[in-house]
Amino acid sequence: MPKSTSSEQYLTVDEIRPRVDFVCLWRIADEQWYPYRVPSHQFLLVESGIIRARTSTGIITAVPGDLLCLRPLERNEYGFSGETVYFEAHMTLAEPPRQGLPLWLDDRPLGELTRLGEHAARARRAFETMCLQLDRPGAQARLSVAAAVHELLAAAAATSTAGAATPQRLDGWQRARFLLESELGRPLTMARAARELGVGVDHFIRGFRRRFGVSPLAYRTRAKMRQAVVELLRGEQSVKQVARGLGFSDASSFARAFRAHLGVAPSEIRAAADQPARPMPDLGDALFPTNRHIRPPGLSGQFRWG
């Protein structure tokens, strides 16, 4: 966070204690414009159609693959015209009195509009998890919902920093993180990464895990898997070519690592790239109800529209 920005004006990632008040998958085929006031953040992921929102900064337009993050204000509005499909969730990210503050991600606040790009599927899975788990009792369901909120925010964070150059103001650990995300097809030893910080290998591994919650090797492997999905979905390279481009010795070792991290074979993702895109998702076999608010057990009270 820049020195000129007070932590009293923003939420940090460490402060997040998510509570989802409701989630829904909407499919609406007419013209609507909703004015509303809710005491929590509102997230909308556009699946098809166009959503326009009027916020304190003016009118913003979201298209498929975009994520809207609308802060609690005295009055927000959003609307659409024609057939539109979108996920919506109201969630509190922190305890009062800080629940209405914007969230700070690395070197910038989470914006009202995020173009998710290849991270849209990641955000969609997070919403689907919330739809499936929010109204179920028990610790497992509550933990699944909390993890889904973190995954949604992680998708937004990955998008907002994907194209940014490494700022000079980043500390050494952030520079190490960018190093682990770069040149994914070339060998990178932990000794070289440690030298960038001027520390020993053991100190680097311990410090990186303490800072980011995962080992440097696991972090780099995850970065390779994310890039693999992007390349496979582009459909321009075979599985073997993608494996070679990411530094794997053969397609078999790549496939094992890919399946271990993502639960599917890379050939399945590559085959999906050849399927024709559908402008409207097929919701006939959805595992959760559409056009109905899904609320956690025991929640009382209603938010106010208008």
C-alpha atoms as a PDB file:
ATOM      1  CA  MET A   1       0.000   0.000   0.000  1.00  0.00           C
ATOM      2  CA  PRO A   2       1.481   3.424  -0.902  1.00  0.00           C
ATOM      3  CA  LYS A   3       2.654   5.530   2.015  1.00  0.00           C
ATOM      4  CA  SER A   4       0.136   8.225   1.091  1.00  0.00           C
ATOM      5  CA  THR A   5      -2.759   5.794   1.595  1.00  0.00           C
ATOM      6  CA  SER A   6      -3.991   5.359   5.146  1.00  0.00           C
ATOM      7  CA  SER A   7      -4.888   1.846   6.235  1.00  0.00           C
ATOM      8  CA  GLU A   8      -7.864   3.440   8.010  1.00  0.00           C
ATOM      9  CA  GLN A   9      -9.433   4.132   4.586  1.00  0.00           C
ATOM     10  CA  TYR A  10      -9.129   0.605   3.138  1.00  0.00           C
ATOM     11  CA  LEU A  11      -9.540  -3.016   4.131  1.00  0.00           C
ATOM     12  CA  THR A  12      -6.466  -5.187   3.863  1.00  0.00           C
ATOM     13  CA  VAL A  13      -6.539  -8.830   2.793  1.00  0.00           C
ATOM     14  CA  ASP A  14      -5.582  -9.856   6.335  1.00  0.00           C
ATOM     15  CA  GLU A  15      -8.756  -8.222   7.699  1.00  0.00           C
ATOM     16  CA  ILE A  16     -11.204 -10.190   5.556  1.00  0.00           C
ATOM     17  CA  ARG A  17     -13.786 -12.156   7.556  1.00  0.00           C
ATOM     18  CA  PRO A  18     -16.384 -12.917   4.877  1.00  0.00           C
ATOM     19  CA  ARG A  19     -20.065 -13.471   5.571  1.00  0.00           C
ATOM     20  CA  VAL A  20     -22.375 -14.072   2.621  1.00  0.00           C
ATOM     21  CA  ASP A  21     -25.961 -12.883   3.183  1.00  0.00           C
ATOM     22  CA  PHE A  22     -27.391 -14.288  -0.027  1.00  0.00           C
ATOM     23  CA  VAL A  23     -26.344 -15.540  -3.435  1.00  0.00           C
ATOM     24  CA  CYS A  24     -28.356 -16.118  -6.589  1.00  0.00           C
ATOM     25  CA  LEU A  25     -28.096 -17.036 -10.247  1.00  0.00           C
ATOM     26  CA  TRP A  26     -30.474 -14.784 -12.152  1.00  0.00           C
ATOM     27  CA  ARG A  27     -31.880 -15.400 -15.617  1.00  0.00           C
ATOM     28  CA  ILE A  28     -34.111 -12.491 -16.601  1.00  0.00           C
ATOM     29  CA  ALA A  29     -35.555 -11.694 -20.013  1.00  0.00           C
ATOM     30  CA  ASP A  30     -37.049  -8.213 -19.680  1.00  0.00           C
ATOM     31  CA  GLU A  31     -36.015  -4.658 -18.887  1.00  0.00           C
ATOM     32  CA  GLN A  32     -35.256  -3.829 -15.255  1.00  0.00           C
ATOM     33  CA  TRP A  33     -33.557  -1.062 -13.313  1.00  0.00           C
ATOM     34  CA  TYR A  34     -33.000  -1.666  -9.589  1.00  0.00           C
ATOM     35  CA  PRO A  35     -32.271   1.095  -7.085  1.00  0.00           C
ATOM     36  CA  TYR A  36     -31.173  -0.425  -3.784  1.00  0.00           C
ATOM     37  CA  ARG A  37     -29.422   0.075  -0.479  1.00  0.00           C
ATOM     38  CA  VAL A  38     -27.742  -2.834   1.281  1.00  0.00           C
ATOM     39  CA  PRO A  39     -25.326  -2.789   4.231  1.00  0.00           C
ATOM     40  CA  SER A  40     -22.749  -4.993   2.493  1.00  0.00           C
ATOM     41  CA  HIS A  41     -20.719  -5.308  -0.678  1.00  0.00           C
ATOM     42  CA  GLN A  42     -22.530  -6.524  -3.781  1.00  0.00           C
ATOM     43  CA  PHE A  43     -20.772  -8.676  -6.375  1.00  0.00           C
ATOM     44  CA  LEU A  44     -22.249  -9.440  -9.799  1.00  0.00           C
ATOM     45  CA  LEU A  45     -20.651 -11.730 -12.405  1.00  0.00           C
ATOM     46  CA  VAL A  46     -22.117 -11.331 -15.900  1.00  0.00           C
ATOM     47  CA  GLU A  47     -22.664 -14.588 -17.793  1.00  0.00           C
ATOM     48  CA  SER A  48     -24.528 -13.133 -20.786  1.00  0.00           C
ATOM     49  CA  GLY A  49     -26.137  -9.852 -21.711  1.00  0.00           C
ATOM     50  CA  ILE A  50     -25.065  -6.419 -20.450  1.00  0.00           C
ATOM     51  CA  ILE A  51     -25.462  -4.865 -17.000  1.00  0.00           C
ATOM     52  CA  ARG A  52     -25.155  -1.138 -16.369  1.00  0.00           C
ATOM     53  CA  ALA A  53     -24.625   0.235 -12.886  1.00  0.00           C
ATOM     54  CA  ARG A  54     -24.882   3.782 -11.576  1.00  0.00           C
ATOM     55  CA  THR A  55     -22.465   4.327  -8.695  1.00  0.00           C
ATOM     56  CA  SER A  56     -20.733   7.243  -7.015  1.00  0.00           C
ATOM     57  CA  THR A  57     -18.325   7.396  -9.977  1.00  0.00           C
ATOM     58  CA  GLY A  58     -21.011   7.411 -12.688  1.00  0.00           C
ATOM     59  CA  ILE A  59     -22.346   4.801 -15.118  1.00  0.00           C
ATOM     60  CA  ILE A  60     -20.292   1.657 -15.675  1.00  0.00           C
ATOM     61  CA  THR A  61     -21.050  -1.127 -18.172  1.00  0.00           C
ATOM     62  CA  ALA A  62     -20.319  -4.821 -17.573  1.00  0.00           C
ATOM     63  CA  VAL A  63     -20.330  -7.484 -20.299  1.00  0.00           C
ATOM     64  CA  PRO A  64     -19.915 -11.303 -20.083  1.00  0.00           C
ATOM     65  CA  GLY A  65     -16.845 -12.188 -18.035  1.00  0.00           C
ATOM     66  CA  ASP A  66     -16.924  -8.929 -16.046  1.00  0.00           C
ATOM     67  CA  LEU A  67     -17.197  -8.679 -12.271  1.00  0.00           C
ATOM     68  CA  LEU A  68     -18.973  -5.743 -10.634  1.00  0.00           C
ATOM     69  CA  CYS A  69     -18.069  -4.903  -7.049  1.00  0.00           C
ATOM     70  CA  LEU A  70     -20.457  -2.291  -5.649  1.00  0.00           C
ATOM     71  CA  ARG A  71     -19.772  -0.876  -2.209  1.00  0.00           C
ATOM     72  CA  PRO A  72     -22.560  -0.157   0.295  1.00  0.00           C
ATOM     73  CA  LEU A  73     -23.782   3.365  -0.383  1.00  0.00           C
ATOM     74  CA  GLU A  74     -26.968   5.260   0.378  1.00  0.00           C
ATOM     75  CA  ARG A  75     -28.097   4.489  -3.153  1.00  0.00           C
ATOM     76  CA  ASN A  76     -26.737   2.224  -5.876  1.00  0.00           C
ATOM     77  CA  GLU A  77     -28.512   1.227  -9.056  1.00  0.00           C
ATOM     78  CA  TYR A  78     -28.053  -1.365 -11.753  1.00  0.00           C
ATOM     79  CA  GLY A  79     -30.137  -2.541 -14.668  1.00  0.00           C
ATOM     80  CA  PHE A  80     -30.290  -4.366 -17.983  1.00  0.00           C
ATOM     81  CA  SER A  81     -32.400  -4.683 -21.100  1.00  0.00           C
ATOM     82  CA  GLY A  82     -33.159  -8.033 -22.722  1.00  0.00           C
ATOM     83  CA  GLU A  83     -32.145 -11.542 -21.738  1.00  0.00           C
ATOM     84  CA  THR A  84     -29.436 -11.438 -19.097  1.00  0.00           C
ATOM     85  CA  VAL A  85     -27.798 -14.111 -16.948  1.00  0.00           C
ATOM     86  CA  TYR A  86     -25.676 -13.157 -13.959  1.00  0.00           C
ATOM     87  CA  PHE A  87     -24.587 -14.301 -10.523  1.00  0.00           C
ATOM     88  CA  GLU A  88     -25.183 -11.971  -7.580  1.00  0.00           C
ATOM     89  CA  ALA A  89     -23.971 -12.110  -3.979  1.00  0.00           C
ATOM     90  CA  HIS A  90     -24.228  -9.757  -1.026  1.00  0.00           C
ATOM     91  CA  MET A  91     -21.383 -10.203   1.408  1.00  0.00           C
ATOM     92  CA  THR A  92     -19.785  -8.481   4.380  1.00  0.00           C
ATOM     93  CA  LEU A  93     -16.005  -8.568   4.226  1.00  0.00           C
ATOM     94  CA  ALA A  94     -15.183  -7.182   7.684  1.00  0.00           C
ATOM     95  CA  GLU A  95     -16.775  -6.421  11.029  1.00  0.00           C
ATOM     96  CA  PRO A  96     -18.334  -2.997  11.781  1.00  0.00           C
ATOM     97  CA  PRO A  97     -17.401  -0.226  11.522  1.00  0.00           C
ATOM     98  CA  ARG A  98     -15.074  -1.189   8.632  1.00  0.00           C
ATOM     99  CA  GLN A  99     -17.473  -3.317   6.610  1.00  0.00           C
ATOM    100  CA  GLY A 100     -18.105  -0.597   4.015  1.00  0.00           C
ATOM    101  CA  LEU A 101     -14.479   0.215   3.197  1.00  0.00           C
ATOM    102  CA  PRO A 102     -12.969  -0.715  -0.190  1.00  0.00           C
ATOM    103  CA  LEU A 103     -10.629  -3.699  -0.320  1.00  0.00           C
ATOM    104  CA  TRP A 104      -6.946  -3.105  -1.091  1.00  0.00           C
ATOM    105  CA  LEU A 105      -5.230  -5.703  -3.315  1.00  0.00           C
ATOM    106  CA  ASP A 106      -1.431  -5.423  -3.553  1.00  0.00           C
ATOM    107  CA  ASP A 107      -0.865  -1.907  -4.929  1.00  0.00           C
ATOM    108  CA  ARG A 108      -4.429  -0.820  -5.735  1.00  0.00           C
ATOM    109  CA  PRO A 109      -8.014  -0.995  -4.467  1.00  0.00           C
ATOM    110  CA  LEU A 110     -10.457  -3.511  -5.922  1.00  0.00           C
ATOM    111  CA  GLY A 111     -12.308  -1.547  -8.575  1.00  0.00           C
ATOM    112  CA  GLU A 112     -16.034  -1.385  -9.216  1.00  0.00           C
ATOM    113  CA  LEU A 113     -15.487  -3.158 -12.566  1.00  0.00           C
ATOM    114  CA  THR A 114     -12.972  -5.954 -13.192  1.00  0.00           C
ATOM    115  CA  ARG A 115     -12.443  -7.516 -16.628  1.00  0.00           C
ATOM    116  CA  LEU A 116     -11.728 -11.085 -15.540  1.00  0.00           C
ATOM    117  CA  GLY A 117     -10.627 -12.486 -18.907  1.00  0.00           C
ATOM    118  CA  GLU A 118      -9.327 -16.027 -18.483  1.00  0.00           C
ATOM    119  CA  HIS A 119     -10.087 -15.807 -14.741  1.00  0.00           C
ATOM    120  CA  ALA A 120     -13.860 -15.655 -15.333  1.00  0.00           C
ATOM    121  CA  ALA A 121     -14.184 -19.438 -15.002  1.00  0.00           C
ATOM    122  CA  ARG A 122     -12.439 -19.265 -11.634  1.00  0.00           C
ATOM    123  CA  ALA A 123     -14.914 -16.637 -10.428  1.00  0.00           C
ATOM    124  CA  ARG A 124     -17.843 -18.651 -11.801  1.00  0.00           C
ATOM    125  CA  ARG A 125     -16.765 -21.726  -9.814  1.00  0.00           C
ATOM    126  CA  ALA A 126     -16.646 -19.583  -6.676  1.00  0.00           C
ATOM    127  CA  PHE A 127     -20.222 -18.386  -7.221  1.00  0.00           C
ATOM    128  CA  GLU A 128     -21.376 -21.934  -7.977  1.00  0.00           C
ATOM    129  CA  THR A 129     -19.857 -23.141  -4.712  1.00  0.00           C
ATOM    130  CA  MET A 130     -21.692 -20.422  -2.797  1.00  0.00           C
ATOM    131  CA  CYS A 131     -24.971 -21.362  -4.506  1.00  0.00           C
ATOM    132  CA  LEU A 132     -24.501 -25.011  -3.585  1.00  0.00           C
ATOM    133  CA  GLN A 133     -23.302 -24.569  -0.005  1.00  0.00           C
ATOM    134  CA  LEU A 134     -24.818 -21.386   1.453  1.00  0.00           C
ATOM    135  CA  ASP A 135     -28.116 -22.855   2.653  1.00  0.00           C
ATOM    136  CA  ARG A 136     -26.567 -26.038   4.050  1.00  0.00           C
ATOM    137  CA  PRO A 137     -25.874 -26.436   7.773  1.00  0.00           C
ATOM    138  CA  GLY A 138     -22.572 -27.409   9.314  1.00  0.00           C
ATOM    139  CA  ALA A 139     -18.969 -26.281   9.503  1.00  0.00           C
ATOM    140  CA  GLN A 140     -17.999 -27.831   6.175  1.00  0.00           C
ATOM    141  CA  ALA A 141     -20.554 -25.771   4.263  1.00  0.00           C
ATOM    142  CA  ARG A 142     -19.580 -22.542   6.058  1.00  0.00           C
ATOM    143  CA  LEU A 143     -15.901 -23.132   5.377  1.00  0.00           C
ATOM    144  CA  SER A 144     -16.641 -23.904   1.713  1.00  0.00           C
ATOM    145  CA  VAL A 145     -18.505 -20.606   1.349  1.00  0.00           C
ATOM    146  CA  ALA A 146     -15.705 -18.629   3.026  1.00  0.00           C
ATOM    147  CA  ALA A 147     -13.138 -20.316   0.761  1.00  0.00           C
ATOM    148  CA  ALA A 148     -15.267 -19.452  -2.288  1.00  0.00           C
ATOM    149  CA  VAL A 149     -15.254 -15.759  -1.313  1.00  0.00           C
ATOM    150  CA  HIS A 150     -11.466 -15.834  -1.061  1.00  0.00           C
ATOM    151  CA  GLU A 151     -11.271 -17.597  -4.443  1.00  0.00           C
ATOM    152  CA  LEU A 152     -13.504 -14.942  -6.026  1.00  0.00           C
ATOM    153  CA  LEU A 153     -11.321 -12.150  -4.656  1.00  0.00           C
ATOM    154  CA  ALA A 154      -8.180 -14.020  -5.720  1.00  0.00           C
ATOM    155  CA  ALA A 155      -9.500 -14.156  -9.290  1.00  0.00           C
ATOM    156  CA  ALA A 156     -10.052 -10.397  -9.222  1.00  0.00           C
ATOM    157  CA  ALA A 157      -6.598  -9.835  -7.735  1.00  0.00           C
ATOM    158  CA  ALA A 158      -4.947 -12.021 -10.387  1.00  0.00           C
ATOM    159  CA  THR A 159      -6.651 -10.021 -13.122  1.00  0.00           C
ATOM    160  CA  SER A 160      -5.811  -6.606 -11.725  1.00  0.00           C
ATOM    161  CA  THR A 161      -2.091  -7.389 -11.487  1.00  0.00           C
ATOM    162  CA  ALA A 162      -1.693  -9.631 -14.536  1.00  0.00           C
ATOM    163  CA  GLY A 163      -0.542  -6.970 -16.950  1.00  0.00           C
ATOM    164  CA  ALA A 164       1.203  -4.644 -14.548  1.00  0.00           C
ATOM    165  CA  ALA A 165       4.946  -4.141 -14.611  1.00  0.00           C
ATOM    166  CA  THR A 166       6.726  -4.873 -11.354  1.00  0.00           C
ATOM    167  CA  PRO A 167       6.685  -1.567  -9.458  1.00  0.00           C
ATOM    168  CA  GLN A 168       9.913  -0.457  -7.875  1.00  0.00           C
ATOM    169  CA  ARG A 169       8.090   0.159  -4.598  1.00  0.00           C
ATOM    170  CA  LEU A 170       7.324  -3.558  -4.155  1.00  0.00           C
ATOM    171  CA  ASP A 171       9.228  -5.168  -1.320  1.00  0.00           C
ATOM    172  CA  GLY A 172      11.635  -8.043  -1.860  1.00  0.00           C
ATOM    173  CA  TRP A 173       9.051 -10.748  -1.248  1.00  0.00           C
ATOM    174  CA  GLN A 174       6.717  -9.294  -3.858  1.00  0.00           C
ATOM    175  CA  ARG A 175       9.602  -9.117  -6.340  1.00  0.00           C
ATOM    176  CA  ALA A 176      10.326 -12.783  -5.581  1.00  0.00           C
ATOM    177  CA  ARG A 177       6.692 -13.617  -6.279  1.00  0.00           C
ATOM    178  CA  PHE A 178       6.846 -11.914  -9.671  1.00  0.00           C
ATOM    179  CA  LEU A 179      10.093 -13.772 -10.417  1.00  0.00           C
ATOM    180  CA  LEU A 180       8.395 -17.106  -9.694  1.00  0.00           C
ATOM    181  CA  GLU A 181       5.558 -16.152 -12.077  1.00  0.00           C
ATOM    182  CA  SER A 182       7.902 -15.218 -14.922  1.00  0.00           C
ATOM    183  CA  GLU A 183       9.858 -17.190 -17.545  1.00  0.00           C
ATOM    184  CA  LEU A 184       7.814 -20.287 -16.768  1.00  0.00           C
ATOM    185  CA  GLY A 185       9.471 -22.324 -19.500  1.00  0.00           C
ATOM    186  CA  ARG A 186      12.974 -21.846 -18.125  1.00  0.00           C
ATOM    187  CA  PRO A 187      14.551 -23.560 -15.100  1.00  0.00           C
ATOM    188  CA  LEU A 188      14.533 -21.503 -11.920  1.00  0.00           C
ATOM    189  CA  THR A 189      16.380 -22.717  -8.848  1.00  0.00           C
ATOM    190  CA  MET A 190      15.490 -21.683  -5.329  1.00  0.00           C
ATOM    191  CA  ALA A 191      19.122 -20.613  -4.956  1.00  0.00           C
ATOM    192  CA  ARG A 192      18.691 -18.007  -7.686  1.00  0.00           C
ATOM    193  CA  ALA A 193      15.413 -16.764  -6.201  1.00  0.00           C
ATOM    194  CA  ALA A 194      17.022 -16.517  -2.767  1.00  0.00           C
ATOM    195  CA  ARG A 195      19.945 -14.520  -4.204  1.00  0.00           C
ATOM    196  CA  GLU A 196      17.477 -11.933  -5.517  1.00  0.00           C
ATOM    197  CA  LEU A 197      16.601 -11.211  -1.879  1.00  0.00           C
ATOM    198  CA  GLY A 198      20.119 -11.642  -0.558  1.00  0.00           C
ATOM    199  CA  VAL A 199      19.144 -14.492   1.783  1.00  0.00           C
ATOM    200  CA  GLY A 200      19.884 -18.187   2.095  1.00  0.00           C
ATOM    201  CA  VAL A 201      17.702 -20.830   0.471  1.00  0.00           C
ATOM    202  CA  ASP A 202      16.206 -22.120   3.736  1.00  0.00           C
ATOM    203  CA  HIS A 203      15.401 -18.582   4.899  1.00  0.00           C
ATOM    204  CA  PHE A 204      13.813 -17.811   1.524  1.00  0.00           C
ATOM    205  CA  ILE A 205      11.589 -20.907   1.576  1.00  0.00           C
ATOM    206  CA  ARG A 206      10.444 -20.287   5.154  1.00  0.00           C
ATOM    207  CA  GLY A 207       9.871 -16.575   4.580  1.00  0.00           C
ATOM    208  CA  PHE A 208       7.970 -17.079   1.325  1.00  0.00           C
ATOM    209  CA  ARG A 209       5.669 -19.661   2.916  1.00  0.00           C
ATOM    210  CA  ARG A 210       5.065 -17.367   5.889  1.00  0.00           C
ATOM    211  CA  ARG A 211       4.261 -14.417   3.586  1.00  0.00           C
ATOM    212  CA  PHE A 212       2.110 -16.174   0.969  1.00  0.00           C
ATOM    213  CA  GLY A 213       0.952 -19.363   2.667  1.00  0.00           C
ATOM    214  CA  VAL A 214       2.567 -21.724   0.153  1.00  0.00           C
ATOM    215  CA  SER A 215       6.079 -22.885  -0.707  1.00  0.00           C
ATOM    216  CA  PRO A 216       7.937 -21.166  -3.585  1.00  0.00           C
ATOM    217  CA  LEU A 217       7.987 -24.392  -5.594  1.00  0.00           C
ATOM    218  CA  ALA A 218       4.238 -24.919  -5.174  1.00  0.00           C
ATOM    219  CA  TYR A 219       3.619 -21.270  -6.098  1.00  0.00           C
ATOM    220  CA  ARG A 220       5.612 -21.610  -9.320  1.00  0.00           C
ATOM    221  CA  THR A 221       3.846 -24.872 -10.180  1.00  0.00           C
ATOM    222  CA  ARG A 222       0.456 -23.181  -9.711  1.00  0.00           C
ATOM    223  CA  ALA A 223       1.581 -20.363 -11.995  1.00  0.00           C
ATOM    224  CA  LYS A 224       2.530 -22.932 -14.636  1.00  0.00           C
ATOM    225  CA  MET A 225      -0.860 -24.627 -14.339  1.00  0.00           C
ATOM    226  CA  ARG A 226      -2.704 -21.306 -14.713  1.00  0.00           C
ATOM    227  CA  GLN A 227      -0.680 -20.510 -17.828  1.00  0.00           C
ATOM    228  CA  ALA A 228      -1.282 -24.019 -19.146  1.00  0.00           C
ATOM    229  CA  VAL A 229      -5.049 -23.513 -18.939  1.00  0.00           C
ATOM    230  CA  VAL A 230      -4.743 -20.227 -20.845  1.00  0.00           C
ATOM    231  CA  GLU A 231      -2.656 -21.821 -23.595  1.00  0.00           C
ATOM    232  CA  LEU A 232      -4.869 -24.909 -23.880  1.00  0.00           C
ATOM    233  CA  LEU A 233      -8.038 -22.820 -24.133  1.00  0.00           C
ATOM    234  CA  ARG A 234      -6.504 -20.725 -26.891  1.00  0.00           C
ATOM    235  CA  GLY A 235      -6.434 -23.924 -28.936  1.00  0.00           C
ATOM    236  CA  GLU A 236      -3.332 -22.954 -30.897  1.00  0.00           C
ATOM    237  CA  GLN A 237      -0.966 -25.589 -29.465  1.00  0.00           C
ATOM    238  CA  SER A 238      -1.130 -29.294 -28.744  1.00  0.00           C
ATOM    239  CA  VAL A 239      -0.809 -30.629 -25.207  1.00  0.00           C
ATOM    240  CA  LYS A 240       2.765 -31.668 -25.975  1.00  0.00           C
ATOM    241  CA  GLN A 241       3.653 -28.165 -27.204  1.00  0.00           C
ATOM    242  CA  VAL A 242       2.157 -26.535 -24.098  1.00  0.00           C
ATOM    243  CA  ALA A 243       4.084 -28.955 -21.880  1.00  0.00           C
ATOM    244  CA  ARG A 244       7.349 -28.176 -23.664  1.00  0.00           C
ATOM    245  CA  GLY A 245       6.710 -24.435 -23.477  1.00  0.00           C
ATOM    246  CA  LEU A 246       6.292 -24.643 -19.709  1.00  0.00           C
ATOM    247  CA  GLY A 247       9.519 -26.558 -19.178  1.00  0.00           C
ATOM    248  CA  PHE A 248       8.192 -30.098 -18.714  1.00  0.00           C
ATOM    249  CA  SER A 249      10.398 -32.875 -20.019  1.00  0.00           C
ATOM    250  CA  ASP A 250       7.485 -34.765 -21.582  1.00  0.00           C
ATOM    251  CA  ALA A 251       3.707 -34.652 -21.958  1.00  0.00           C
ATOM    252  CA  SER A 252       3.182 -37.460 -19.429  1.00  0.00           C
ATOM    253  CA  SER A 253       4.792 -35.623 -16.516  1.00  0.00           C
ATOM    254  CA  PHE A 254       2.885 -32.476 -17.502  1.00  0.00           C
ATOM    255  CA  ALA A 255      -0.412 -34.394 -17.600  1.00  0.00           C
ATOM    256  CA  ARG A 256       0.225 -35.880 -14.136  1.00  0.00           C
ATOM    257  CA  ALA A 257       0.958 -32.473 -12.632  1.00  0.00           C
ATOM    258  CA  PHE A 258      -2.015 -30.902 -14.417  1.00  0.00           C
ATOM    259  CA  ARG A 259      -4.452 -33.552 -13.185  1.00  0.00           C
ATOM    260  CA  ALA A 260      -3.049 -33.383  -9.641  1.00  0.00           C
ATOM    261  CA  HIS A 261      -3.692 -29.626  -9.473  1.00  0.00           C
ATOM    262  CA  LEU A 262      -6.917 -29.271 -11.476  1.00  0.00           C
ATOM    263  CA  GLY A 263      -8.573 -32.677 -11.336  1.00  0.00           C
ATOM    264  CA  VAL A 264      -8.897 -33.033 -15.122  1.00  0.00           C
ATOM    265  CA  ALA A 265      -6.592 -34.047 -17.940  1.00  0.00           C
ATOM    266  CA  PRO A 266      -5.042 -31.299 -20.116  1.00  0.00           C
ATOM    267  CA  SER A 267      -6.519 -33.056 -23.160  1.00  0.00           C
ATOM    268  CA  GLU A 268     -10.016 -32.321 -21.793  1.00  0.00           C
ATOM    269  CA  ILE A 269      -9.258 -28.592 -21.563  1.00  0.00           C
ATOM    270  CA  ARG A 270      -7.679 -28.647 -25.022  1.00  0.00           C
ATOM    271  CA  ALA A 271     -10.769 -30.382 -26.451  1.00  0.00           C
ATOM    272  CA  ALA A 272     -13.002 -27.723 -24.866  1.00  0.00           C
ATOM    273  CA  ALA A 273     -11.207 -25.067 -26.910  1.00  0.00           C
ATOM    274  CA  ASP A 274     -12.552 -26.675 -30.090  1.00  0.00           C
ATOM    275  CA  GLN A 275     -16.174 -26.539 -28.916  1.00  0.00           C
ATOM    276  CA  PRO A 276     -18.314 -23.706 -30.314  1.00  0.00           C
ATOM    277  CA  ALA A 277     -19.038 -20.954 -27.792  1.00  0.00           C
ATOM    278  CA  ARG A 278     -22.618 -20.572 -26.621  1.00  0.00           C
ATOM    279  CA  PRO A 279     -23.939 -17.048 -25.986  1.00  0.00           C
ATOM    280  CA  MET A 280     -26.339 -18.309 -23.289  1.00  0.00           C
ATOM    281  CA  PRO A 281     -25.386 -20.889 -20.670  1.00  0.00           C
ATOM    282  CA  ASP A 282     -27.524 -24.017 -20.428  1.00  0.00           C
ATOM    283  CA  LEU A 283     -29.060 -23.925 -16.963  1.00  0.00           C
ATOM    284  CA  GLY A 284     -31.411 -26.879 -17.328  1.00  0.00           C
ATOM    285  CA  ASP A 285     -29.290 -29.204 -15.192  1.00  0.00           C
ATOM    286  CA  ALA A 286     -28.026 -26.648 -12.673  1.00  0.00           C
ATOM    287  CA  LEU A 287     -27.489 -28.147  -9.225  1.00  0.00           C
ATOM    288  CA  PHE A 288     -28.996 -25.090  -7.530  1.00  0.00           C
ATOM    289  CA  PRO A 289     -32.195 -23.078  -8.110  1.00  0.00           C
ATOM    290  CA  THR A 290     -32.187 -20.101 -10.447  1.00  0.00           C
ATOM    291  CA  ASN A 291     -33.994 -16.813  -9.792  1.00  0.00           C
ATOM    292  CA  ARG A 292     -34.250 -17.564  -6.074  1.00  0.00           C
ATOM    293  CA  HIS A 293     -32.295 -16.042  -3.206  1.00  0.00           C
ATOM    294  CA  ILE A 294     -30.173 -18.629  -1.413  1.00  0.00           C
ATOM    295  CA  ARG A 295     -29.587 -17.626   2.198  1.00  0.00           C
ATOM    296  CA  PRO A 296     -27.556 -19.120   5.047  1.00  0.00           C
ATOM    297  CA  PRO A 297     -29.459 -21.060   7.719  1.00  0.00           C
ATOM    298  CA  GLY A 298     -31.019 -18.872  10.402  1.00  0.00           C
ATOM    299  CA  LEU A 299     -30.588 -15.551   8.600  1.00  0.00           C
ATOM    300  CA  SER A 300     -33.406 -13.132   9.363  1.00  0.00           C
ATOM    301  CA  GLY A 301     -34.258  -9.730   7.979  1.00  0.00           C
ATOM    302  CA  GLN A 302     -34.375  -8.401   4.444  1.00  0.00           C
ATOM    303  CA  PHE A 303     -32.290  -5.879   2.612  1.00  0.00           C
ATOM    304  CA  ARG A 304     -34.181  -2.874   1.296  1.00  0.00           C
ATOM    305  CA  TRP A 305     -34.821  -2.070  -2.346  1.00  0.00           C
ATOM    306  CA  GLY A 306     -35.578   1.470  -3.489  1.00  0.00           C
END
